[in-house]
């Protein structure tokens, strides 16, 4: 099997896992949270940012993962797990519904918490 095909298969396998994890988080949060704020997407994006920081720092800086594993984790699992497009859609819906404060809160808190989580994940992996 060619090297390129192997990489694509690693991303695809990781993506399947990430998508299933994303769906599981949505189901779990939906059971406990009924508020206006899109909590499941927020949690997924912050958690994904944290884990991405760990994967990149541990894999690249400490040699903890081979390049194929890092590709499967970072691009596959975390690419499918995090949901920026869903984040944008949910924020747009909040704006359309007139929930301007909640929409702005979603944008600013998601960006800030995701950045902090990424940095913490990288620091922990180091």
C-alpha atoms as a PDB file:
ATOM      1  CA  UNK A   1       0.000   0.000   0.000  1.00  0.00           C
ATOM      2  CA  UNK A   2       1.360   3.420  -0.903  1.00  0.00           C
ATOM      3  CA  UNK A   3       2.413   5.909   1.729  1.00  0.00           C
ATOM      4  CA  UNK A   4      -0.252   8.418   0.668  1.00  0.00           C
ATOM      5  CA  UNK A   5      -3.027   5.821   0.869  1.00  0.00           C
ATOM      6  CA  UNK A   6      -1.804   4.766   4.311  1.00  0.00           C
ATOM      7  CA  UNK A   7      -2.044   8.375   5.489  1.00  0.00           C
ATOM      8  CA  UNK A   8      -5.557   8.746   4.104  1.00  0.00           C
ATOM      9  CA  UNK A   9      -6.648   5.535   5.820  1.00  0.00           C
ATOM     10  CA  UNK A  10      -5.154   6.721   9.122  1.00  0.00           C
ATOM     11  CA  UNK A  11      -7.099   9.971   8.873  1.00  0.00           C
ATOM     12  CA  UNK A  12     -10.276   8.105   7.899  1.00  0.00           C
ATOM     13  CA  UNK A  13     -10.004   5.660  10.803  1.00  0.00           C
ATOM     14  CA  UNK A  14      -9.295   8.478  13.233  1.00  0.00           C
ATOM     15  CA  UNK A  15     -12.148  10.497  11.764  1.00  0.00           C
ATOM     16  CA  UNK A  16     -14.607   7.671  12.346  1.00  0.00           C
ATOM     17  CA  UNK A  17     -13.556   7.490  15.996  1.00  0.00           C
ATOM     18  CA  UNK A  18     -13.717  11.271  16.423  1.00  0.00           C
ATOM     19  CA  UNK A  19     -17.163  11.494  14.856  1.00  0.00           C
ATOM     20  CA  UNK A  20     -18.523   8.782  17.144  1.00  0.00           C
ATOM     21  CA  UNK A  21     -17.012  10.499  20.185  1.00  0.00           C
ATOM     22  CA  UNK A  22     -18.556  13.802  19.107  1.00  0.00           C
ATOM     23  CA  UNK A  23     -21.965  12.177  18.791  1.00  0.00           C
ATOM     24  CA  UNK A  24     -21.602  10.536  22.211  1.00  0.00           C
ATOM     25  CA  UNK A  25     -20.812  13.886  23.839  1.00  0.00           C
ATOM     26  CA  UNK A  26     -23.871  15.425  22.154  1.00  0.00           C
ATOM     27  CA  UNK A  27     -26.106  12.686  23.536  1.00  0.00           C
ATOM     28  CA  UNK A  28     -24.682  12.918  27.046  1.00  0.00           C
ATOM     29  CA  UNK A  29     -24.922  16.686  27.230  1.00  0.00           C
ATOM     30  CA  UNK A  30     -28.444  16.699  25.780  1.00  0.00           C
ATOM     31  CA  UNK A  31     -29.584  14.564  28.710  1.00  0.00           C
ATOM     32  CA  UNK A  32     -28.322  17.044  31.289  1.00  0.00           C
ATOM     33  CA  UNK A  33     -28.392  20.455  29.588  1.00  0.00           C
ATOM     34  CA  UNK A  34     -31.489  22.169  28.236  1.00  0.00           C
ATOM     35  CA  UNK A  35     -30.264  25.742  28.151  1.00  0.00           C
ATOM     36  CA  UNK A  36     -29.907  28.088  25.207  1.00  0.00           C
ATOM     37  CA  UNK A  37     -26.093  28.029  25.210  1.00  0.00           C
ATOM     38  CA  UNK A  38     -24.675  25.330  22.861  1.00  0.00           C
ATOM     39  CA  UNK A  39     -22.848  23.509  25.649  1.00  0.00           C
ATOM     40  CA  UNK A  40     -22.044  20.261  23.793  1.00  0.00           C
ATOM     41  CA  UNK A  41     -20.250  22.094  20.991  1.00  0.00           C
ATOM     42  CA  UNK A  42     -18.456  24.304  23.496  1.00  0.00           C
ATOM     43  CA  UNK A  43     -17.255  21.291  25.506  1.00  0.00           C
ATOM     44  CA  UNK A  44     -16.159  19.410  22.407  1.00  0.00           C
ATOM     45  CA  UNK A  45     -14.187  22.353  21.039  1.00  0.00           C
ATOM     46  CA  UNK A  46     -12.468  23.126  24.347  1.00  0.00           C
ATOM     47  CA  UNK A  47     -11.692  19.462  25.025  1.00  0.00           C
ATOM     48  CA  UNK A  48     -10.479  18.992  21.462  1.00  0.00           C
ATOM     49  CA  UNK A  49      -8.232  22.031  21.756  1.00  0.00           C
ATOM     50  CA  UNK A  50      -6.754  20.678  24.985  1.00  0.00           C
ATOM     51  CA  UNK A  51      -6.086  17.236  23.524  1.00  0.00           C
ATOM     52  CA  UNK A  52      -4.664  18.745  20.325  1.00  0.00           C
ATOM     53  CA  UNK A  53      -2.213  20.746  22.409  1.00  0.00           C
ATOM     54  CA  UNK A  54      -1.154  17.547  24.142  1.00  0.00           C
ATOM     55  CA  UNK A  55      -0.844  15.543  20.908  1.00  0.00           C
ATOM     56  CA  UNK A  56       1.202  18.206  19.144  1.00  0.00           C
ATOM     57  CA  UNK A  57       3.497  18.905  22.080  1.00  0.00           C
ATOM     58  CA  UNK A  58       3.966  15.281  23.064  1.00  0.00           C
ATOM     59  CA  UNK A  59       4.299  14.036  19.508  1.00  0.00           C
ATOM     60  CA  UNK A  60       6.396  16.742  17.925  1.00  0.00           C
ATOM     61  CA  UNK A  61       8.439  18.006  20.831  1.00  0.00           C
ATOM     62  CA  UNK A  62       8.974  14.807  22.779  1.00  0.00           C
ATOM     63  CA  UNK A  63       8.830  12.291  19.968  1.00  0.00           C
ATOM     64  CA  UNK A  64       5.975  10.459  21.683  1.00  0.00           C
ATOM     65  CA  UNK A  65       4.063   9.593  18.516  1.00  0.00           C
ATOM     66  CA  UNK A  66       5.217   8.517  15.104  1.00  0.00           C
ATOM     67  CA  UNK A  67       4.049  10.837  12.286  1.00  0.00           C
ATOM     68  CA  UNK A  68       1.280   8.468  11.147  1.00  0.00           C
ATOM     69  CA  UNK A  69      -0.198   8.211  14.650  1.00  0.00           C
ATOM     70  CA  UNK A  70       0.010  11.972  15.081  1.00  0.00           C
ATOM     71  CA  UNK A  71      -1.805  12.407  11.746  1.00  0.00           C
ATOM     72  CA  UNK A  72      -4.532   9.937  12.765  1.00  0.00           C
ATOM     73  CA  UNK A  73      -5.015  11.653  16.119  1.00  0.00           C
ATOM     74  CA  UNK A  74      -4.685  15.332  15.199  1.00  0.00           C
ATOM     75  CA  UNK A  75      -6.301  15.380  11.762  1.00  0.00           C
ATOM     76  CA  UNK A  76      -8.522  12.311  12.019  1.00  0.00           C
ATOM     77  CA  UNK A  77      -9.858  11.985  15.555  1.00  0.00           C
ATOM     78  CA  UNK A  78      -9.691  15.627  16.598  1.00  0.00           C
ATOM     79  CA  UNK A  79     -10.661  16.961  13.176  1.00  0.00           C
ATOM     80  CA  UNK A  80     -13.901  14.991  13.341  1.00  0.00           C
ATOM     81  CA  UNK A  81     -14.391  15.490  17.076  1.00  0.00           C
ATOM     82  CA  UNK A  82     -14.216  19.270  17.109  1.00  0.00           C
ATOM     83  CA  UNK A  83     -17.001  21.155  15.451  1.00  0.00           C
ATOM     84  CA  UNK A  84     -16.113  24.595  14.231  1.00  0.00           C
ATOM     85  CA  UNK A  85     -18.736  24.465  11.507  1.00  0.00           C
ATOM     86  CA  UNK A  86     -21.371  23.502  14.065  1.00  0.00           C
ATOM     87  CA  UNK A  87     -20.111  26.296  16.298  1.00  0.00           C
ATOM     88  CA  UNK A  88     -20.617  28.789  13.479  1.00  0.00           C
ATOM     89  CA  UNK A  89     -24.082  27.448  12.652  1.00  0.00           C
ATOM     90  CA  UNK A  90     -25.254  27.530  16.262  1.00  0.00           C
ATOM     91  CA  UNK A  91     -23.919  31.047  16.728  1.00  0.00           C
ATOM     92  CA  UNK A  92     -25.721  32.160  13.575  1.00  0.00           C
ATOM     93  CA  UNK A  93     -28.957  30.613  14.825  1.00  0.00           C
ATOM     94  CA  UNK A  94     -28.620  32.460  18.117  1.00  0.00           C
ATOM     95  CA  UNK A  95     -28.180  35.719  16.195  1.00  0.00           C
ATOM     96  CA  UNK A  96     -31.231  34.963  14.041  1.00  0.00           C
ATOM     97  CA  UNK A  97     -33.251  34.287  17.181  1.00  0.00           C
ATOM     98  CA  UNK A  98     -32.214  37.632  18.626  1.00  0.00           C
ATOM     99  CA  UNK A  99     -30.056  36.089  21.354  1.00  0.00           C
ATOM    100  CA  UNK A 100     -27.193  38.512  20.713  1.00  0.00           C
ATOM    101  CA  UNK A 101     -25.646  38.323  24.169  1.00  0.00           C
ATOM    102  CA  UNK A 102     -25.630  34.510  24.133  1.00  0.00           C
ATOM    103  CA  UNK A 103     -24.164  34.499  20.613  1.00  0.00           C
ATOM    104  CA  UNK A 104     -21.367  36.860  21.618  1.00  0.00           C
ATOM    105  CA  UNK A 105     -20.777  34.915  24.805  1.00  0.00           C
ATOM    106  CA  UNK A 106     -20.508  31.717  22.754  1.00  0.00           C
ATOM    107  CA  UNK A 107     -17.929  33.287  20.409  1.00  0.00           C
ATOM    108  CA  UNK A 108     -15.720  34.909  23.025  1.00  0.00           C
ATOM    109  CA  UNK A 109     -15.865  32.173  25.653  1.00  0.00           C
ATOM    110  CA  UNK A 110     -15.276  29.425  23.073  1.00  0.00           C
ATOM    111  CA  UNK A 111     -12.266  31.172  21.564  1.00  0.00           C
ATOM    112  CA  UNK A 112     -10.724  32.104  24.906  1.00  0.00           C
ATOM    113  CA  UNK A 113     -11.332  28.729  26.567  1.00  0.00           C
ATOM    114  CA  UNK A 114     -10.124  26.841  23.491  1.00  0.00           C
ATOM    115  CA  UNK A 115      -6.889  28.812  23.413  1.00  0.00           C
ATOM    116  CA  UNK A 116      -6.319  28.331  27.143  1.00  0.00           C
ATOM    117  CA  UNK A 117      -7.104  24.606  26.857  1.00  0.00           C
ATOM    118  CA  UNK A 118      -4.682  24.210  23.941  1.00  0.00           C
ATOM    119  CA  UNK A 119      -1.906  25.894  25.921  1.00  0.00           C
ATOM    120  CA  UNK A 120      -2.653  23.822  29.037  1.00  0.00           C
ATOM    121  CA  UNK A 121      -2.657  20.621  27.027  1.00  0.00           C
ATOM    122  CA  UNK A 122       0.681  21.488  25.464  1.00  0.00           C
ATOM    123  CA  UNK A 123       2.152  22.444  28.850  1.00  0.00           C
ATOM    124  CA  UNK A 124       0.925  19.206  30.428  1.00  0.00           C
ATOM    125  CA  UNK A 125       2.387  17.109  27.616  1.00  0.00           C
ATOM    126  CA  UNK A 126       5.754  18.823  27.977  1.00  0.00           C
END
